[in-house]
Amino acid sequence: MRKWSFWLVVASVFLAPAAYGNEQTLRIHGSNTIGERLMPELVEAWLRSQGQNQVARQQLAFEEIVLRSAGRLGAVDVELHAHGSSTAFKDLMVGTADLGMASRRVSPAEVANANHLGQLDSARQ
């Protein structure tokens, strides 16, 4: 069920604005363990499955890439910053990330500081 929840969130981020023909950017920040290889491959495969027939990776800086795509959804960029799990929670809290990648459990302090985002340590929101 968690796997489908993740893809539902990703799909809603892409599909709702893309229906209006605007260029969209999805910002995914956090774990370098996940963000180095796994997340770029997952995002690229998902983009292609959604009809994005042009997908290119561009290295922006150390542990930062953007996947630029074009196709059925219009122009969609996915920004991946892989600076560590703690940056996932920090960037979600301040609004500079749309999705967070974590290769560890959220700490009690992070849960308390991000209560405006929901209960981050719960499987249900």
PDB file of N, CA and C in Angstrom:
ATOM      1  N   MET A   1       0.820  -1.190   0.000  1.00  0.00           N
ATOM      2  CA  MET A   1       0.000   0.000   0.000  1.00  0.00           C
ATOM      3  C   MET A   1       0.867   1.258   0.000  1.00  0.00           C
ATOM      4  N   ARG A   2       1.995   1.255   0.714  1.00  0.00           N
ATOM      5  CA  ARG A   2       2.865   2.415   0.786  1.00  0.00           C
ATOM      6  C   ARG A   2       3.405   2.779  -0.590  1.00  0.00           C
ATOM      7  N   LYS A   3       3.751   1.746  -1.390  1.00  0.00           N
ATOM      8  CA  LYS A   3       4.289   1.972  -2.723  1.00  0.00           C
ATOM      9  C   LYS A   3       3.277   2.732  -3.577  1.00  0.00           C
ATOM     10  N   TRP A   4       2.021   2.336  -3.522  1.00  0.00           N
ATOM     11  CA  TRP A   4       0.983   3.010  -4.304  1.00  0.00           C
ATOM     12  C   TRP A   4       0.741   4.411  -3.793  1.00  0.00           C
ATOM     13  N   SER A   5       0.836   4.616  -2.492  1.00  0.00           N
ATOM     14  CA  SER A   5       0.650   5.953  -1.933  1.00  0.00           C
ATOM     15  C   SER A   5       1.709   6.905  -2.456  1.00  0.00           C
ATOM     16  N   PHE A   6       2.958   6.443  -2.513  1.00  0.00           N
ATOM     17  CA  PHE A   6       4.043   7.266  -3.023  1.00  0.00           C
ATOM     18  C   PHE A   6       3.767   7.678  -4.460  1.00  0.00           C
ATOM     19  N   TRP A   7       3.422   6.704  -5.307  1.00  0.00           N
ATOM     20  CA  TRP A   7       3.212   7.010  -6.722  1.00  0.00           C
ATOM     21  C   TRP A   7       1.962   7.855  -6.931  1.00  0.00           C
ATOM     22  N   LEU A   8       0.977   7.717  -6.060  1.00  0.00           N
ATOM     23  CA  LEU A   8      -0.205   8.564  -6.148  1.00  0.00           C
ATOM     24  C   LEU A   8       0.165  10.016  -5.879  1.00  0.00           C
ATOM     25  N   VAL A   9       1.015  10.246  -4.889  1.00  0.00           N
ATOM     26  CA  VAL A   9       1.474  11.602  -4.591  1.00  0.00           C
ATOM     27  C   VAL A   9       2.263  12.159  -5.767  1.00  0.00           C
ATOM     28  N   VAL A  10       3.193  11.368  -6.299  1.00  0.00           N
ATOM     29  CA  VAL A  10       3.986  11.820  -7.441  1.00  0.00           C
ATOM     30  C   VAL A  10       3.075  12.128  -8.625  1.00  0.00           C
ATOM     31  N   ALA A  11       2.134  11.245  -8.910  1.00  0.00           N
ATOM     32  CA  ALA A  11       1.236  11.446 -10.048  1.00  0.00           C
ATOM     33  C   ALA A  11       0.408  12.707  -9.864  1.00  0.00           C
ATOM     34  N   SER A  12      -0.085  12.955  -8.659  1.00  0.00           N
ATOM     35  CA  SER A  12      -0.915  14.139  -8.443  1.00  0.00           C
ATOM     36  C   SER A  12      -0.107  15.414  -8.600  1.00  0.00           C
ATOM     37  N   VAL A  13       1.151  15.387  -8.195  1.00  0.00           N
ATOM     38  CA  VAL A  13       2.006  16.562  -8.367  1.00  0.00           C
ATOM     39  C   VAL A  13       2.207  16.860  -9.840  1.00  0.00           C
ATOM     40  N   PHE A  14       2.385  15.802 -10.640  1.00  0.00           N
ATOM     41  CA  PHE A  14       2.613  15.986 -12.069  1.00  0.00           C
ATOM     42  C   PHE A  14       1.342  16.262 -12.848  1.00  0.00           C
ATOM     43  N   LEU A  15       0.322  15.479 -12.636  1.00  0.00           N
ATOM     44  CA  LEU A  15      -0.832  15.501 -13.525  1.00  0.00           C
ATOM     45  C   LEU A  15      -1.738  16.710 -13.343  1.00  0.00           C
ATOM     46  N   ALA A  16      -1.961  17.143 -12.140  1.00  0.00           N
ATOM     47  CA  ALA A  16      -2.866  18.275 -11.944  1.00  0.00           C
ATOM     48  C   ALA A  16      -2.359  19.535 -12.644  1.00  0.00           C
ATOM     49  N   PRO A  17      -1.123  19.995 -12.372  1.00  0.00           N
ATOM     50  CA  PRO A  17      -0.668  21.196 -13.053  1.00  0.00           C
ATOM     51  C   PRO A  17      -0.416  20.967 -14.540  1.00  0.00           C
ATOM     52  N   ALA A  18       0.024  19.772 -14.918  1.00  0.00           N
ATOM     53  CA  ALA A  18       0.340  19.510 -16.321  1.00  0.00           C
ATOM     54  C   ALA A  18      -0.902  19.593 -17.193  1.00  0.00           C
ATOM     55  N   ALA A  19      -2.049  19.363 -16.607  1.00  0.00           N
ATOM     56  CA  ALA A  19      -3.289  19.445 -17.372  1.00  0.00           C
ATOM     57  C   ALA A  19      -3.527  20.862 -17.894  1.00  0.00           C
ATOM     58  N   TYR A  20      -2.916  21.836 -17.243  1.00  0.00           N
ATOM     59  CA  TYR A  20      -3.068  23.224 -17.667  1.00  0.00           C
ATOM     60  C   TYR A  20      -1.975  23.659 -18.643  1.00  0.00           C
ATOM     61  N   GLY A  21      -1.043  22.770 -19.000  1.00  0.00           N
ATOM     62  CA  GLY A  21      -0.024  23.073 -19.987  1.00  0.00           C
ATOM     63  C   GLY A  21       1.152  23.876 -19.455  1.00  0.00           C
ATOM     64  N   ASN A  22       1.291  24.027 -18.179  1.00  0.00           N
ATOM     65  CA  ASN A  22       2.391  24.780 -17.602  1.00  0.00           C
ATOM     66  C   ASN A  22       3.604  23.877 -17.407  1.00  0.00           C
ATOM     67  N   GLU A  23       4.784  24.475 -17.470  1.00  0.00           N
ATOM     68  CA  GLU A  23       5.990  23.731 -17.118  1.00  0.00           C
ATOM     69  C   GLU A  23       5.957  23.502 -15.614  1.00  0.00           C
ATOM     70  N   GLN A  24       6.269  22.288 -15.204  1.00  0.00           N
ATOM     71  CA  GLN A  24       6.202  21.930 -13.789  1.00  0.00           C
ATOM     72  C   GLN A  24       7.535  21.435 -13.283  1.00  0.00           C
ATOM     73  N   THR A  25       7.815  21.717 -12.014  1.00  0.00           N
ATOM     74  CA  THR A  25       9.020  21.227 -11.362  1.00  0.00           C
ATOM     75  C   THR A  25       8.621  20.517 -10.079  1.00  0.00           C
ATOM     76  N   LEU A  26       9.105  19.310  -9.923  1.00  0.00           N
ATOM     77  CA  LEU A  26       8.933  18.545  -8.692  1.00  0.00           C
ATOM     78  C   LEU A  26      10.284  18.534  -7.996  1.00  0.00           C
ATOM     79  N   ARG A  27      10.300  18.909  -6.711  1.00  0.00           N
ATOM     80  CA  ARG A  27      11.546  18.989  -5.947  1.00  0.00           C
ATOM     81  C   ARG A  27      11.588  17.839  -4.944  1.00  0.00           C
ATOM     82  N   ILE A  28      12.555  16.931  -5.129  1.00  0.00           N
ATOM     83  CA  ILE A  28      12.728  15.781  -4.241  1.00  0.00           C
ATOM     84  C   ILE A  28      14.092  15.930  -3.582  1.00  0.00           C
ATOM     85  N   HIS A  29      14.098  16.057  -2.253  1.00  0.00           N
ATOM     86  CA  HIS A  29      15.346  16.289  -1.527  1.00  0.00           C
ATOM     87  C   HIS A  29      15.517  15.233  -0.431  1.00  0.00           C
ATOM     88  N   GLY A  30      16.763  14.971  -0.071  1.00  0.00           N
ATOM     89  CA  GLY A  30      17.022  14.119   1.074  1.00  0.00           C
ATOM     90  C   GLY A  30      18.170  13.155   0.892  1.00  0.00           C
ATOM     91  N   SER A  31      17.930  11.921   1.262  1.00  0.00           N
ATOM     92  CA  SER A  31      18.934  10.873   1.393  1.00  0.00           C
ATOM     93  C   SER A  31      19.822  10.714   0.163  1.00  0.00           C
ATOM     94  N   ASN A  32      21.132  10.766   0.407  1.00  0.00           N
ATOM     95  CA  ASN A  32      22.053  10.491  -0.696  1.00  0.00           C
ATOM     96  C   ASN A  32      22.092   8.997  -1.003  1.00  0.00           C
ATOM     97  N   THR A  33      21.763   8.157  -0.050  1.00  0.00           N
ATOM     98  CA  THR A  33      21.689   6.716  -0.290  1.00  0.00           C
ATOM     99  C   THR A  33      20.623   6.409  -1.338  1.00  0.00           C
ATOM    100  N   ILE A  34      19.483   7.053  -1.225  1.00  0.00           N
ATOM    101  CA  ILE A  34      18.381   6.852  -2.170  1.00  0.00           C
ATOM    102  C   ILE A  34      18.567   7.719  -3.418  1.00  0.00           C
ATOM    103  N   GLY A  35      19.015   8.937  -3.216  1.00  0.00           N
ATOM    104  CA  GLY A  35      19.070   9.907  -4.295  1.00  0.00           C
ATOM    105  C   GLY A  35      20.204   9.747  -5.281  1.00  0.00           C
ATOM    106  N   GLU A  36      21.215   9.001  -4.917  1.00  0.00           N
ATOM    107  CA  GLU A  36      22.358   8.866  -5.827  1.00  0.00           C
ATOM    108  C   GLU A  36      22.021   8.055  -7.069  1.00  0.00           C
ATOM    109  N   ARG A  37      21.382   6.894  -6.868  1.00  0.00           N
ATOM    110  CA  ARG A  37      21.078   6.029  -8.015  1.00  0.00           C
ATOM    111  C   ARG A  37      19.607   5.623  -8.108  1.00  0.00           C
ATOM    112  N   LEU A  38      19.024   5.208  -6.998  1.00  0.00           N
ATOM    113  CA  LEU A  38      17.677   4.649  -7.024  1.00  0.00           C
ATOM    114  C   LEU A  38      16.624   5.659  -7.475  1.00  0.00           C
ATOM    115  N   MET A  39      16.559   6.818  -6.831  1.00  0.00           N
ATOM    116  CA  MET A  39      15.506   7.778  -7.156  1.00  0.00           C
ATOM    117  C   MET A  39      15.615   8.298  -8.586  1.00  0.00           C
ATOM    118  N   PRO A  40      16.801   8.630  -9.095  1.00  0.00           N
ATOM    119  CA  PRO A  40      16.845   9.054 -10.502  1.00  0.00           C
ATOM    120  C   PRO A  40      16.311   7.986 -11.456  1.00  0.00           C
ATOM    121  N   GLU A  41      16.621   6.722 -11.192  1.00  0.00           N
ATOM    122  CA  GLU A  41      16.133   5.635 -12.045  1.00  0.00           C
ATOM    123  C   GLU A  41      14.617   5.489 -11.927  1.00  0.00           C
ATOM    124  N   LEU A  42      14.093   5.565 -10.711  1.00  0.00           N
ATOM    125  CA  LEU A  42      12.644   5.460 -10.505  1.00  0.00           C
ATOM    126  C   LEU A  42      11.904   6.606 -11.186  1.00  0.00           C
ATOM    127  N   VAL A  43      12.397   7.818 -10.995  1.00  0.00           N
ATOM    128  CA  VAL A  43      11.737   8.980 -11.587  1.00  0.00           C
ATOM    129  C   VAL A  43      11.787   8.908 -13.105  1.00  0.00           C
ATOM    130  N   GLU A  44      12.947   8.549 -13.654  1.00  0.00           N
ATOM    131  CA  GLU A  44      13.055   8.459 -15.111  1.00  0.00           C
ATOM    132  C   GLU A  44      12.105   7.400 -15.667  1.00  0.00           C
ATOM    133  N   ALA A  45      12.043   6.252 -15.024  1.00  0.00           N
ATOM    134  CA  ALA A  45      11.132   5.190 -15.481  1.00  0.00           C
ATOM    135  C   ALA A  45       9.687   5.650 -15.380  1.00  0.00           C
ATOM    136  N   TRP A  46       9.330   6.341 -14.295  1.00  0.00           N
ATOM    137  CA  TRP A  46       7.958   6.824 -14.144  1.00  0.00           C
ATOM    138  C   TRP A  46       7.631   7.861 -15.213  1.00  0.00           C
ATOM    139  N   LEU A  47       8.547   8.794 -15.456  1.00  0.00           N
ATOM    140  CA  LEU A  47       8.302   9.811 -16.485  1.00  0.00           C
ATOM    141  C   LEU A  47       8.047   9.156 -17.838  1.00  0.00           C
ATOM    142  N   ARG A  48       8.864   8.179 -18.191  1.00  0.00           N
ATOM    143  CA  ARG A  48       8.688   7.493 -19.479  1.00  0.00           C
ATOM    144  C   ARG A  48       7.362   6.737 -19.522  1.00  0.00           C
ATOM    145  N   SER A  49       6.966   6.154 -18.386  1.00  0.00           N
ATOM    146  CA  SER A  49       5.700   5.418 -18.355  1.00  0.00           C
ATOM    147  C   SER A  49       4.498   6.346 -18.516  1.00  0.00           C
ATOM    148  N   GLN A  50       4.685   7.623 -18.242  1.00  0.00           N
ATOM    149  CA  GLN A  50       3.618   8.612 -18.364  1.00  0.00           C
ATOM    150  C   GLN A  50       3.624   9.324 -19.709  1.00  0.00           C
ATOM    151  N   GLY A  51       4.457   8.846 -20.633  1.00  0.00           N
ATOM    152  CA  GLY A  51       4.476   9.425 -21.970  1.00  0.00           C
ATOM    153  C   GLY A  51       5.490  10.530 -22.178  1.00  0.00           C
ATOM    154  N   GLN A  52       6.405  10.685 -21.253  1.00  0.00           N
ATOM    155  CA  GLN A  52       7.477  11.663 -21.417  1.00  0.00           C
ATOM    156  C   GLN A  52       8.578  10.993 -22.244  1.00  0.00           C
ATOM    157  N   ASN A  53       8.549  11.200 -23.555  1.00  0.00           N
ATOM    158  CA  ASN A  53       9.465  10.478 -24.444  1.00  0.00           C
ATOM    159  C   ASN A  53      10.833  11.127 -24.549  1.00  0.00           C
ATOM    160  N   GLN A  54      11.011  12.299 -23.985  1.00  0.00           N
ATOM    161  CA  GLN A  54      12.317  12.949 -23.932  1.00  0.00           C
ATOM    162  C   GLN A  54      12.680  13.178 -22.471  1.00  0.00           C
ATOM    163  N   VAL A  55      13.683  12.467 -21.989  1.00  0.00           N
ATOM    164  CA  VAL A  55      14.132  12.620 -20.604  1.00  0.00           C
ATOM    165  C   VAL A  55      15.651  12.741 -20.622  1.00  0.00           C
ATOM    166  N   ALA A  56      16.160  13.806 -20.026  1.00  0.00           N
ATOM    167  CA  ALA A  56      17.608  14.014 -19.963  1.00  0.00           C
ATOM    168  C   ALA A  56      18.004  14.385 -18.542  1.00  0.00           C
ATOM    169  N   ARG A  57      19.159  13.874 -18.109  1.00  0.00           N
ATOM    170  CA  ARG A  57      19.692  14.212 -16.786  1.00  0.00           C
ATOM    171  C   ARG A  57      20.749  15.290 -16.937  1.00  0.00           C
ATOM    172  N   GLN A  58      20.698  16.252 -16.034  1.00  0.00           N
ATOM    173  CA  GLN A  58      21.687  17.321 -16.033  1.00  0.00           C
ATOM    174  C   GLN A  58      22.254  17.445 -14.627  1.00  0.00           C
ATOM    175  N   GLN A  59      23.561  17.352 -14.491  1.00  0.00           N
ATOM    176  CA  GLN A  59      24.233  17.521 -13.199  1.00  0.00           C
ATOM    177  C   GLN A  59      24.303  19.009 -12.897  1.00  0.00           C
ATOM    178  N   LEU A  60      23.727  19.438 -11.779  1.00  0.00           N
ATOM    179  CA  LEU A  60      23.741  20.845 -11.393  1.00  0.00           C
ATOM    180  C   LEU A  60      24.917  21.164 -10.489  1.00  0.00           C
ATOM    181  N   ALA A  61      25.165  20.285  -9.539  1.00  0.00           N
ATOM    182  CA  ALA A  61      26.236  20.439  -8.555  1.00  0.00           C
ATOM    183  C   ALA A  61      26.456  19.066  -7.926  1.00  0.00           C
ATOM    184  N   PHE A  62      27.365  18.994  -6.980  1.00  0.00           N
ATOM    185  CA  PHE A  62      27.605  17.728  -6.287  1.00  0.00           C
ATOM    186  C   PHE A  62      26.312  17.269  -5.617  1.00  0.00           C
ATOM    187  N   GLU A  63      25.883  16.045  -5.924  1.00  0.00           N
ATOM    188  CA  GLU A  63      24.673  15.434  -5.376  1.00  0.00           C
ATOM    189  C   GLU A  63      23.394  16.197  -5.738  1.00  0.00           C
ATOM    190  N   GLU A  64      23.423  16.919  -6.845  1.00  0.00           N
ATOM    191  CA  GLU A  64      22.241  17.630  -7.324  1.00  0.00           C
ATOM    192  C   GLU A  64      22.113  17.425  -8.825  1.00  0.00           C
ATOM    193  N   ILE A  65      20.968  16.861  -9.225  1.00  0.00           N
ATOM    194  CA  ILE A  65      20.683  16.701 -10.647  1.00  0.00           C
ATOM    195  C   ILE A  65      19.265  17.172 -10.929  1.00  0.00           C
ATOM    196  N   VAL A  66      18.983  17.394 -12.195  1.00  0.00           N
ATOM    197  CA  VAL A  66      17.623  17.666 -12.626  1.00  0.00           C
ATOM    198  C   VAL A  66      17.343  16.741 -13.802  1.00  0.00           C
ATOM    199  N   LEU A  67      16.175  16.126 -13.784  1.00  0.00           N
ATOM    200  CA  LEU A  67      15.713  15.344 -14.918  1.00  0.00           C
ATOM    201  C   LEU A  67      14.733  16.224 -15.673  1.00  0.00           C
ATOM    202  N   ARG A  68      15.094  16.611 -16.873  1.00  0.00           N
ATOM    203  CA  ARG A  68      14.253  17.456 -17.718  1.00  0.00           C
ATOM    204  C   ARG A  68      13.524  16.546 -18.691  1.00  0.00           C
ATOM    205  N   SER A  69      12.216  16.729 -18.781  1.00  0.00           N
ATOM    206  CA  SER A  69      11.446  15.848 -19.652  1.00  0.00           C
ATOM    207  C   SER A  69      10.410  16.627 -20.438  1.00  0.00           C
ATOM    208  N   ALA A  70      10.021  16.023 -21.557  1.00  0.00           N
ATOM    209  CA  ALA A  70       8.959  16.581 -22.400  1.00  0.00           C
ATOM    210  C   ALA A  70       8.182  15.420 -22.984  1.00  0.00           C
ATOM    211  N   GLY A  71       6.919  15.658 -23.210  1.00  0.00           N
ATOM    212  CA  GLY A  71       6.066  14.616 -23.769  1.00  0.00           C
ATOM    213  C   GLY A  71       4.618  14.898 -23.479  1.00  0.00           C
ATOM    214  N   ARG A  72       3.877  13.844 -23.233  1.00  0.00           N
ATOM    215  CA  ARG A  72       2.424  13.937 -23.040  1.00  0.00           C
ATOM    216  C   ARG A  72       2.035  14.881 -21.904  1.00  0.00           C
ATOM    217  N   LEU A  73       2.846  14.968 -20.853  1.00  0.00           N
ATOM    218  CA  LEU A  73       2.548  15.833 -19.710  1.00  0.00           C
ATOM    219  C   LEU A  73       3.043  17.259 -19.910  1.00  0.00           C
ATOM    220  N   GLY A  74       3.679  17.533 -21.025  1.00  0.00           N
ATOM    221  CA  GLY A  74       4.291  18.839 -21.239  1.00  0.00           C
ATOM    222  C   GLY A  74       5.717  18.822 -20.720  1.00  0.00           C
ATOM    223  N   ALA A  75       6.214  19.971 -20.364  1.00  0.00           N
ATOM    224  CA  ALA A  75       7.572  20.089 -19.826  1.00  0.00           C
ATOM    225  C   ALA A  75       7.531  19.833 -18.319  1.00  0.00           C
ATOM    226  N   VAL A  76       8.244  18.805 -17.880  1.00  0.00           N
ATOM    227  CA  VAL A  76       8.296  18.452 -16.459  1.00  0.00           C
ATOM    228  C   VAL A  76       9.756  18.284 -16.064  1.00  0.00           C
ATOM    229  N   ASP A  77      10.176  19.023 -15.051  1.00  0.00           N
ATOM    230  CA  ASP A  77      11.518  18.884 -14.487  1.00  0.00           C
ATOM    231  C   ASP A  77      11.401  18.282 -13.094  1.00  0.00           C
ATOM    232  N   VAL A  78      12.319  17.388 -12.773  1.00  0.00           N
ATOM    233  CA  VAL A  78      12.385  16.823 -11.424  1.00  0.00           C
ATOM    234  C   VAL A  78      13.764  17.140 -10.872  1.00  0.00           C
ATOM    235  N   GLU A  79      13.777  17.920  -9.810  1.00  0.00           N
ATOM    236  CA  GLU A  79      15.017  18.336  -9.152  1.00  0.00           C
ATOM    237  C   GLU A  79      15.311  17.354  -8.030  1.00  0.00           C
ATOM    238  N   LEU A  80      16.483  16.738  -8.069  1.00  0.00           N
ATOM    239  CA  LEU A  80      16.902  15.792  -7.030  1.00  0.00           C
ATOM    240  C   LEU A  80      18.118  16.348  -6.299  1.00  0.00           C
ATOM    241  N   HIS A  81      17.957  16.615  -5.013  1.00  0.00           N
ATOM    242  CA  HIS A  81      19.067  17.033  -4.157  1.00  0.00           C
ATOM    243  C   HIS A  81      19.284  15.919  -3.143  1.00  0.00           C
ATOM    244  N   ALA A  82      20.436  15.293  -3.180  1.00  0.00           N
ATOM    245  CA  ALA A  82      20.719  14.137  -2.323  1.00  0.00           C
ATOM    246  C   ALA A  82      21.819  14.477  -1.322  1.00  0.00           C
ATOM    247  N   HIS A  83      21.468  15.284  -0.317  1.00  0.00           N
ATOM    248  CA  HIS A  83      22.444  15.753   0.663  1.00  0.00           C
ATOM    249  C   HIS A  83      22.293  15.090   2.034  1.00  0.00           C
ATOM    250  N   GLY A  84      21.459  14.075   2.141  1.00  0.00           N
ATOM    251  CA  GLY A  84      21.280  13.383   3.414  1.00  0.00           C
ATOM    252  C   GLY A  84      19.842  13.434   3.893  1.00  0.00           C
ATOM    253  N   SER A  85      19.455  12.416   4.653  1.00  0.00           N
ATOM    254  CA  SER A  85      18.067  12.295   5.115  1.00  0.00           C
ATOM    255  C   SER A  85      17.590  13.507   5.902  1.00  0.00           C
ATOM    256  N   SER A  86      18.456  14.101   6.700  1.00  0.00           N
ATOM    257  CA  SER A  86      18.012  15.255   7.503  1.00  0.00           C
ATOM    258  C   SER A  86      17.571  16.411   6.621  1.00  0.00           C
ATOM    259  N   THR A  87      18.147  16.538   5.423  1.00  0.00           N
ATOM    260  CA  THR A  87      17.725  17.625   4.539  1.00  0.00           C
ATOM    261  C   THR A  87      16.320  17.384   3.996  1.00  0.00           C
ATOM    262  N   ALA A  88      15.888  16.134   3.939  1.00  0.00           N
ATOM    263  CA  ALA A  88      14.512  15.858   3.508  1.00  0.00           C
ATOM    264  C   ALA A  88      13.533  16.546   4.447  1.00  0.00           C
ATOM    265  N   PHE A  89      13.706  16.341   5.734  1.00  0.00           N
ATOM    266  CA  PHE A  89      12.782  16.900   6.723  1.00  0.00           C
ATOM    267  C   PHE A  89      12.924  18.418   6.813  1.00  0.00           C
ATOM    268  N   LYS A  90      14.150  18.904   6.791  1.00  0.00           N
ATOM    269  CA  LYS A  90      14.384  20.349   6.865  1.00  0.00           C
ATOM    270  C   LYS A  90      13.753  21.054   5.660  1.00  0.00           C
ATOM    271  N   ASP A  91      13.987  20.526   4.470  1.00  0.00           N
ATOM    272  CA  ASP A  91      13.474  21.177   3.259  1.00  0.00           C
ATOM    273  C   ASP A  91      11.952  21.059   3.145  1.00  0.00           C
ATOM    274  N   LEU A  92      11.377  19.945   3.599  1.00  0.00           N
ATOM    275  CA  LEU A  92       9.922  19.837   3.636  1.00  0.00           C
ATOM    276  C   LEU A  92       9.329  20.878   4.583  1.00  0.00           C
ATOM    277  N   MET A  93       9.975  21.072   5.738  1.00  0.00           N
ATOM    278  CA  MET A  93       9.470  22.015   6.737  1.00  0.00           C
ATOM    279  C   MET A  93       9.457  23.449   6.228  1.00  0.00           C
ATOM    280  N   VAL A  94      10.476  23.823   5.451  1.00  0.00           N
ATOM    281  CA  VAL A  94      10.548  25.216   4.985  1.00  0.00           C
ATOM    282  C   VAL A  94       9.953  25.406   3.595  1.00  0.00           C
ATOM    283  N   GLY A  95       9.484  24.316   2.985  1.00  0.00           N
ATOM    284  CA  GLY A  95       8.802  24.419   1.705  1.00  0.00           C
ATOM    285  C   GLY A  95       9.686  24.449   0.481  1.00  0.00           C
ATOM    286  N   THR A  96      10.945  24.040   0.613  1.00  0.00           N
ATOM    287  CA  THR A  96      11.824  24.009  -0.562  1.00  0.00           C
ATOM    288  C   THR A  96      11.874  22.631  -1.213  1.00  0.00           C
ATOM    289  N   ALA A  97      11.120  21.670  -0.672  1.00  0.00           N
ATOM    290  CA  ALA A  97      11.007  20.327  -1.258  1.00  0.00           C
ATOM    291  C   ALA A  97       9.540  19.926  -1.265  1.00  0.00           C
ATOM    292  N   ASP A  98       9.163  19.159  -2.288  1.00  0.00           N
ATOM    293  CA  ASP A  98       7.802  18.642  -2.389  1.00  0.00           C
ATOM    294  C   ASP A  98       7.710  17.226  -1.842  1.00  0.00           C
ATOM    295  N   LEU A  99       8.768  16.461  -2.012  1.00  0.00           N
ATOM    296  CA  LEU A  99       8.871  15.098  -1.497  1.00  0.00           C
ATOM    297  C   LEU A  99      10.213  14.948  -0.809  1.00  0.00           C
ATOM    298  N   GLY A 100      10.248  14.133   0.239  1.00  0.00           N
ATOM    299  CA  GLY A 100      11.493  13.902   0.957  1.00  0.00           C
ATOM    300  C   GLY A 100      11.917  12.450   0.860  1.00  0.00           C
ATOM    301  N   MET A 101      13.220  12.241   0.732  1.00  0.00           N
ATOM    302  CA  MET A 101      13.787  10.885   0.711  1.00  0.00           C
ATOM    303  C   MET A 101      14.529  10.679   2.034  1.00  0.00           C
ATOM    304  N   ALA A 102      14.213   9.600   2.730  1.00  0.00           N
ATOM    305  CA  ALA A 102      14.905   9.308   3.985  1.00  0.00           C
ATOM    306  C   ALA A 102      15.265   7.833   4.027  1.00  0.00           C
ATOM    307  N   SER A 103      16.489   7.560   4.396  1.00  0.00           N
ATOM    308  CA  SER A 103      16.930   6.178   4.538  1.00  0.00           C
ATOM    309  C   SER A 103      17.023   5.801   6.017  1.00  0.00           C
ATOM    310  N   ARG A 104      16.391   6.609   6.843  1.00  0.00           N
ATOM    311  CA  ARG A 104      16.321   6.344   8.286  1.00  0.00           C
ATOM    312  C   ARG A 104      14.964   6.819   8.785  1.00  0.00           C
ATOM    313  N   ARG A 105      14.646   6.438  10.013  1.00  0.00           N
ATOM    314  CA  ARG A 105      13.394   6.887  10.621  1.00  0.00           C
ATOM    315  C   ARG A 105      13.487   8.380  10.955  1.00  0.00           C
ATOM    316  N   VAL A 106      12.351   9.031  10.921  1.00  0.00           N
ATOM    317  CA  VAL A 106      12.267  10.425  11.319  1.00  0.00           C
ATOM    318  C   VAL A 106      12.483  10.509  12.835  1.00  0.00           C
ATOM    319  N   SER A 107      13.238  11.496  13.290  1.00  0.00           N
ATOM    320  CA  SER A 107      13.524  11.635  14.723  1.00  0.00           C
ATOM    321  C   SER A 107      12.341  12.308  15.426  1.00  0.00           C
ATOM    322  N   PRO A 108      12.229  12.104  16.748  1.00  0.00           N
ATOM    323  CA  PRO A 108      11.158  12.782  17.496  1.00  0.00           C
ATOM    324  C   PRO A 108      11.219  14.305  17.347  1.00  0.00           C
ATOM    325  N   ALA A 109      12.408  14.878  17.304  1.00  0.00           N
ATOM    326  CA  ALA A 109      12.538  16.328  17.135  1.00  0.00           C
ATOM    327  C   ALA A 109      12.028  16.766  15.766  1.00  0.00           C
ATOM    328  N   GLU A 110      12.321  15.990  14.724  1.00  0.00           N
ATOM    329  CA  GLU A 110      11.836  16.317  13.385  1.00  0.00           C
ATOM    330  C   GLU A 110      10.315  16.213  13.314  1.00  0.00           C
ATOM    331  N   VAL A 111       9.748  15.208  13.976  1.00  0.00           N
ATOM    332  CA  VAL A 111       8.292  15.059  14.029  1.00  0.00           C
ATOM    333  C   VAL A 111       7.670  16.286  14.698  1.00  0.00           C
ATOM    334  N   ALA A 112       8.242  16.691  15.817  1.00  0.00           N
ATOM    335  CA  ALA A 112       7.710  17.842  16.551  1.00  0.00           C
ATOM    336  C   ALA A 112       7.845  19.132  15.749  1.00  0.00           C
ATOM    337  N   ASN A 113       8.971  19.325  15.105  1.00  0.00           N
ATOM    338  CA  ASN A 113       9.209  20.556  14.347  1.00  0.00           C
ATOM    339  C   ASN A 113       8.381  20.642  13.070  1.00  0.00           C
ATOM    340  N   ALA A 114       7.951  19.502  12.562  1.00  0.00           N
ATOM    341  CA  ALA A 114       7.203  19.478  11.300  1.00  0.00           C
ATOM    342  C   ALA A 114       5.733  19.126  11.507  1.00  0.00           C
ATOM    343  N   ASN A 115       5.205  19.396  12.672  1.00  0.00           N
ATOM    344  CA  ASN A 115       3.808  19.007  12.941  1.00  0.00           C
ATOM    345  C   ASN A 115       2.828  19.675  11.987  1.00  0.00           C
ATOM    346  N   HIS A 116       3.186  20.801  11.378  1.00  0.00           N
ATOM    347  CA  HIS A 116       2.305  21.461  10.410  1.00  0.00           C
ATOM    348  C   HIS A 116       2.178  20.657   9.115  1.00  0.00           C
ATOM    349  N   LEU A 117       3.051  19.662   8.911  1.00  0.00           N
ATOM    350  CA  LEU A 117       2.994  18.801   7.726  1.00  0.00           C
ATOM    351  C   LEU A 117       2.164  17.541   7.956  1.00  0.00           C
ATOM    352  N   GLY A 118       1.780  17.297   9.191  1.00  0.00           N
ATOM    353  CA  GLY A 118       1.086  16.059   9.540  1.00  0.00           C
ATOM    354  C   GLY A 118       1.954  15.241  10.472  1.00  0.00           C
ATOM    355  N   GLN A 119       1.531  14.041  10.751  1.00  0.00           N
ATOM    356  CA  GLN A 119       2.250  13.159  11.661  1.00  0.00           C
ATOM    357  C   GLN A 119       3.271  12.352  10.863  1.00  0.00           C
ATOM    358  N   LEU A 120       4.511  12.849  10.749  1.00  0.00           N
ATOM    359  CA  LEU A 120       5.519  12.232   9.892  1.00  0.00           C
ATOM    360  C   LEU A 120       5.944  10.840  10.340  1.00  0.00           C
ATOM    361  N   ASP A 121       5.680  10.477  11.568  1.00  0.00           N
ATOM    362  CA  ASP A 121       6.082   9.153  12.028  1.00  0.00           C
ATOM    363  C   ASP A 121       4.917   8.152  11.964  1.00  0.00           C
ATOM    364  N   SER A 122       3.852   8.520  11.283  1.00  0.00           N
ATOM    365  CA  SER A 122       2.696   7.642  11.148  1.00  0.00           C
ATOM    366  C   SER A 122       2.574   7.152   9.701  1.00  0.00           C
ATOM    367  N   ALA A 123       2.160   5.925   9.538  1.00  0.00           N
ATOM    368  CA  ALA A 123       1.947   5.378   8.198  1.00  0.00           C
ATOM    369  C   ALA A 123       0.710   5.988   7.551  1.00  0.00           C
ATOM    370  N   ARG A 124      -0.174   6.521   8.346  1.00  0.00           N
ATOM    371  CA  ARG A 124      -1.425   7.129   7.844  1.00  0.00           C
ATOM    372  C   ARG A 124      -1.395   8.633   8.092  1.00  0.00           C
ATOM    373  N   GLN A 125      -1.858   9.375   7.135  1.00  0.00           N
ATOM    374  CA  GLN A 125      -1.903  10.846   7.277  1.00  0.00           C
ATOM    375  C   GLN A 125      -3.333  11.312   7.329  1.00  0.00           C
TER     376      GLN A 125
END
